Protein backbone atom coordinates (compact mmCIF):
# COMPACT_ATOMS: atom_id res chain seq x y z
CA UNK A 1 0.00 0.00 0.00
CA UNK A 2 1.42 3.36 -1.00
CA UNK A 3 0.11 5.77 1.60
CA UNK A 4 1.54 9.33 1.94
CA UNK A 5 2.24 10.80 5.34
CA UNK A 6 -0.37 13.44 4.63
CA UNK A 7 -3.66 11.55 4.55
CA UNK A 8 -7.12 13.15 4.60
CA UNK A 9 -9.54 11.61 7.09
CA UNK A 10 -13.22 11.78 6.09
CA UNK A 11 -15.49 12.22 9.10
CA UNK A 12 -19.29 11.98 9.22
CA UNK A 13 -20.61 13.55 12.44
CA UNK A 14 -24.22 13.79 13.58
CA UNK A 15 -24.52 16.50 16.22
CA UNK A 16 -27.36 17.44 18.54
CA UNK A 17 -27.76 20.38 20.91
CA UNK A 18 -29.34 20.29 24.31
CA UNK A 19 -32.15 22.74 24.98
CA UNK A 20 -29.76 25.21 26.58
CA UNK A 21 -27.45 27.66 24.86
CA UNK A 22 -24.38 26.33 26.67
CA UNK A 23 -23.82 22.66 25.93
CA UNK A 24 -23.79 20.37 22.90
CA UNK A 25 -22.78 16.80 22.04
CA UNK A 26 -21.98 14.95 18.83
CA UNK A 27 -21.49 11.38 17.62
CA UNK A 28 -18.70 10.71 15.12
CA UNK A 29 -17.28 8.02 12.86
CA UNK A 30 -13.99 8.44 11.01
CA UNK A 31 -11.10 6.71 9.26
CA UNK A 32 -8.07 6.50 11.56
CA UNK A 33 -4.41 7.12 10.74
CA UNK A 34 -1.87 4.28 10.78
CA UNK A 35 1.64 5.49 11.70
CA UNK A 36 3.28 2.06 12.05
CA UNK A 37 5.78 1.23 9.29
CA UNK A 38 6.42 -2.51 9.40
CA UNK A 39 6.15 -5.37 6.93
CA UNK A 40 4.60 -3.95 3.72
CA UNK A 41 2.53 -1.28 5.46
CA UNK A 42 3.41 2.34 4.56
CA UNK A 43 6.38 1.36 2.37
CA UNK A 44 6.82 3.77 -0.54
CA UNK A 45 7.72 1.19 -3.20
CA UNK A 46 5.05 -1.32 -2.15
CA UNK A 47 2.67 -0.56 -5.02
CA UNK A 48 4.92 -2.31 -7.55
CA UNK A 49 5.32 -5.68 -5.77
CA UNK A 50 1.87 -7.23 -6.42
CA UNK A 51 0.63 -6.98 -2.85
CA UNK A 52 -3.06 -6.39 -2.24
CA UNK A 53 -4.37 -4.41 0.70
CA UNK A 54 -7.60 -4.85 2.65
CA UNK A 55 -8.00 -2.07 5.19
CA UNK A 56 -10.84 -2.66 7.68
CA UNK A 57 -9.79 0.09 10.08
CA UNK A 58 -12.44 2.34 11.60
CA UNK A 59 -12.93 4.94 14.28
CA UNK A 60 -15.80 6.13 16.44
CA UNK A 61 -16.03 8.99 18.88
CA UNK A 62 -17.95 11.84 20.40
CA UNK A 63 -17.50 15.56 20.97
CA UNK A 64 -18.91 17.79 23.70
CA UNK A 65 -19.15 21.58 23.48
CA UNK A 66 -19.49 24.53 25.80
CA UNK A 67 -20.52 27.83 24.25
CA UNK A 68 -19.01 31.01 25.65
CA UNK A 69 -19.81 34.60 24.78
CA UNK A 70 -18.66 36.49 21.68
CA UNK A 71 -19.02 33.44 19.38
CA UNK A 72 -16.35 31.54 21.30
CA UNK A 73 -16.64 27.85 22.00
CA UNK A 74 -14.76 25.26 24.02
CA UNK A 75 -14.89 21.73 22.64
CA UNK A 76 -13.61 18.32 23.69
CA UNK A 77 -13.14 15.49 21.20
CA UNK A 78 -12.92 11.82 22.27
CA UNK A 79 -12.33 8.87 19.98
CA UNK A 80 -11.37 5.23 19.61
CA UNK A 81 -9.66 3.83 16.51
CA UNK A 82 -9.31 0.19 15.55
CA UNK A 83 -6.49 -0.48 13.09
CA UNK A 84 -6.89 -3.73 11.13
CA UNK A 85 -4.93 -4.08 7.91
CA UNK A 86 -4.46 -7.24 5.84
CA UNK A 87 -1.91 -7.25 3.03
CA UNK A 88 -1.46 -10.27 0.80
CA UNK A 89 0.72 -11.49 -2.06
CA UNK A 90 -0.84 -14.53 -3.74
CA UNK A 91 0.72 -15.38 -7.11
CA UNK A 92 2.21 -18.00 -9.38
CA UNK A 93 5.86 -17.68 -10.44
CA UNK A 94 6.11 -19.93 -13.54
CA UNK A 95 9.80 -19.20 -14.06
CA UNK A 96 10.53 -20.88 -10.71
CA UNK A 97 7.68 -23.38 -10.89
CA UNK A 98 6.22 -22.27 -7.56
CA UNK A 99 3.16 -20.62 -6.07
CA UNK A 100 3.71 -18.07 -3.26
CA UNK A 101 1.24 -16.97 -0.58
CA UNK A 102 2.64 -14.24 1.67
CA UNK A 103 0.42 -12.17 3.94
CA UNK A 104 0.53 -9.96 7.00
CA UNK A 105 -2.28 -8.91 9.36
CA UNK A 106 -1.76 -5.91 11.65
CA UNK A 107 -4.01 -4.88 14.55
CA UNK A 108 -3.90 -1.94 16.93
CA UNK A 109 -6.16 0.14 19.20
CA UNK A 110 -5.80 3.92 19.50
CA UNK A 111 -7.49 6.35 21.89
CA UNK A 112 -7.82 10.07 21.20
CA UNK A 113 -8.58 13.16 23.26
CA UNK A 114 -8.40 16.72 21.96
CA UNK A 115 -9.52 19.79 23.92
CA UNK A 116 -9.89 22.89 21.76
CA UNK A 117 -11.14 26.44 21.47
CA UNK A 118 -12.68 28.09 18.44
CA UNK A 119 -14.39 31.17 17.06
CA UNK A 120 -16.93 31.85 14.33
CA UNK A 121 -18.07 34.63 11.99
CA UNK A 122 -21.62 34.51 10.65
CA UNK A 123 -23.05 36.07 7.50
CA UNK A 124 -26.53 35.14 6.37
CA UNK A 125 -26.73 31.32 6.35
CA UNK A 126 -22.94 30.80 6.33
CA UNK A 127 -20.58 30.64 9.27
CA UNK A 128 -16.79 30.56 9.05
CA UNK A 129 -15.17 28.64 11.89
CA UNK A 130 -11.59 28.33 13.06
CA UNK A 131 -9.60 27.51 16.16
CA UNK A 132 -6.97 25.36 17.81
CA UNK A 133 -6.92 21.98 19.54
CA UNK A 134 -4.46 19.94 21.56
CA UNK A 135 -4.49 16.35 20.19
CA UNK A 136 -3.45 13.69 22.70
CA UNK A 137 -3.27 10.12 21.37
CA UNK A 138 -2.56 6.84 23.12
CA UNK A 139 -1.30 4.35 20.54
CA UNK A 140 -1.72 0.78 21.73
CA UNK A 141 0.47 -2.22 21.07
CA UNK A 142 0.73 -3.14 17.39
CA UNK A 143 0.36 -6.90 16.82
CA UNK A 144 1.40 -8.27 13.43
CA UNK A 145 1.07 -11.88 12.28
CA UNK A 146 2.69 -13.01 9.03
CA UNK A 147 2.23 -16.25 7.11
CA UNK A 148 4.35 -17.53 4.25
CA UNK A 149 3.66 -20.63 2.17
CA UNK A 150 5.48 -21.81 -0.97
CA UNK A 151 4.26 -24.78 -3.02
CA UNK A 152 5.18 -26.46 -6.32
CA UNK A 153 2.96 -25.57 -9.27
CA UNK A 154 3.15 -29.07 -10.70
CA UNK A 155 1.76 -31.08 -7.76
CA UNK A 156 0.96 -28.49 -5.02
CA UNK A 157 3.53 -30.06 -2.70
CA UNK A 158 4.92 -27.94 0.10
CA UNK A 159 8.32 -26.32 -0.43
CA UNK A 160 8.48 -24.00 2.57
CA UNK A 161 6.14 -22.66 5.23
CA UNK A 162 6.57 -20.17 8.08
CA UNK A 163 4.57 -18.17 10.59
CA UNK A 164 5.70 -15.12 12.59
CA UNK A 165 4.25 -12.91 15.29
CA UNK A 166 5.58 -9.41 15.89
CA UNK A 167 4.59 -7.22 18.84
CA UNK A 168 5.51 -3.51 18.90
CA UNK A 169 5.05 -1.77 22.30
CA UNK A 170 2.48 0.98 22.87
CA UNK A 171 3.26 4.68 22.69
CA UNK A 172 1.74 8.12 22.62
CA UNK A 173 1.70 11.38 20.70
CA UNK A 174 0.79 14.93 21.64
CA UNK A 175 0.90 18.15 19.68
CA UNK A 176 -0.86 21.21 18.39
CA UNK A 177 -3.53 21.33 15.71
CA UNK A 178 -5.49 24.07 13.99
CA UNK A 179 -8.83 23.79 12.23
CA UNK A 180 -10.66 25.90 9.68
CA UNK A 181 -14.02 25.25 8.12
CA UNK A 182 -17.54 26.45 7.38
CA UNK A 183 -21.15 25.66 8.22
CA UNK A 184 -24.21 26.28 6.05
CA UNK A 185 -27.52 26.53 7.90
CA UNK A 186 -30.03 25.45 5.28
CA UNK A 187 -32.80 24.27 7.62
CA UNK A 188 -34.12 25.37 10.98
CA UNK A 189 -32.79 22.23 12.66
CA UNK A 190 -30.20 20.98 10.15
CA UNK A 191 -26.80 22.33 9.09
CA UNK A 192 -23.96 20.92 7.04
CA UNK A 193 -20.29 21.82 7.11
CA UNK A 194 -16.71 20.85 6.44
CA UNK A 195 -13.54 21.21 8.46
CA UNK A 196 -9.83 20.82 7.72
CA UNK A 197 -7.39 20.29 10.61
CA UNK A 198 -3.61 19.79 10.26
CA UNK A 199 -1.56 18.92 13.33
CA UNK A 200 2.10 18.49 14.26
CA UNK A 201 2.69 15.79 16.86
CA UNK A 202 5.52 14.80 19.15
CA UNK A 203 5.45 11.02 19.32
CA UNK A 204 7.13 8.27 21.27
CA UNK A 205 6.24 5.01 19.53
CA UNK A 206 7.61 1.51 19.68
CA UNK A 207 10.51 0.19 21.72
CA UNK A 208 11.58 -3.39 22.40
CA UNK A 209 9.90 -5.38 19.64
CA UNK A 210 9.40 -9.11 20.22
CA UNK A 211 9.35 -11.51 17.25
CA UNK A 212 8.52 -15.22 17.28
CA UNK A 213 9.20 -17.34 14.18
CA UNK A 214 7.95 -20.82 13.31
CA UNK A 215 9.04 -22.49 10.06
CA UNK A 216 9.16 -25.85 8.32
CA UNK A 217 12.97 -25.74 8.46
CA UNK A 218 13.08 -25.12 12.24
CA UNK A 219 10.65 -25.35 15.14
CA UNK A 220 10.83 -21.99 16.95
CA UNK A 221 13.01 -18.92 17.23
CA UNK A 222 12.55 -15.74 19.27
CA UNK A 223 14.30 -12.43 18.73
CA UNK A 224 14.11 -8.87 20.03
CA UNK A 225 14.91 -5.55 18.39
CA UNK A 226 14.71 -1.93 19.47
CA UNK A 227 12.32 -0.31 17.01
CA UNK A 228 11.45 3.07 18.47
CA UNK A 229 10.52 6.35 16.82
CA UNK A 230 10.60 9.54 18.87
CA UNK A 231 10.39 13.23 18.04
CA UNK A 232 8.36 15.77 16.11
CA UNK A 233 8.05 13.47 13.12
CA UNK A 234 4.31 12.87 12.98
CA UNK A 235 2.31 15.23 10.78
CA UNK A 236 -1.36 14.45 10.34
CA UNK A 237 -4.28 15.97 8.46
CA UNK A 238 -7.91 15.53 9.44
CA UNK A 239 -10.67 16.45 7.01
CA UNK A 240 -14.26 16.24 8.20
CA UNK A 241 -17.68 16.57 6.63
CA UNK A 242 -20.35 17.25 9.24
CA UNK A 243 -24.13 17.07 9.56
CA UNK A 244 -25.55 19.05 12.46
CA UNK A 245 -28.93 18.48 14.09
CA UNK A 246 -30.14 21.11 16.56
CA UNK A 247 -32.79 20.89 19.25
CA UNK A 248 -33.82 24.48 19.87
CA UNK A 249 -35.19 25.81 23.12
CA UNK A 250 -38.98 26.08 23.31
CA UNK A 251 -38.69 29.51 24.86
CA UNK A 252 -36.59 31.20 22.22
CA UNK A 253 -35.13 30.57 18.81
CA UNK A 254 -31.45 31.32 18.48
CA UNK A 255 -29.02 31.25 15.63
CA UNK A 256 -27.21 27.88 15.54
CA UNK A 257 -23.88 27.58 17.27
CA UNK A 258 -20.92 25.99 15.54
CA UNK A 259 -19.94 22.45 16.33
């Protein structure tokens, strides 16, 4: 899979206001970011080596809001990401008379928290929003299992077989992000909008990686390596498309606040 470091995340959020002018809450689903670079994942030249990717990663979360005066708003974003990526090479090599099946499955859990503050400018039905947030991410242990099987094309007999498990320790990242977007209020209770948020993160990922290998040529081998990545090396983009649903107070109708 050829995946650039800058990757846009599409978010669909359904937001609802309480009947006060102070608080709001939203539900959110999004595509998470995978920062682990092992096996074939996130390798620049991967697209030319006949590997196929099946990415079943997903993310869910919620946001809560507190509206201040002068079109200022505090917001708190919470989320959980599940990374699950399967990459497979399954092909015949007639020149060598063999069939090769080589695949890797990576899994990881991530937890996100991002307090922020923002402002808005309103003109007619449009509102321009912008602000800053402090992304804090806990990146869980990355578990990778790999399977390799080589057979003869002529009679499907086994030539070589191996299985490996790789475990990369958990880590974290923290940084500063900005966001800029707009909201269009086209119904009394419904609004739509979009938001772009780049962030620069300081990360401390990885560490003492444990690898266990099983193969047809030997029974078991264990090894350990120090695979850590630390520093301001993690740049992420988040792009969101939002649908807002408002529950207005029965006592007064107010212009919608930004989520």
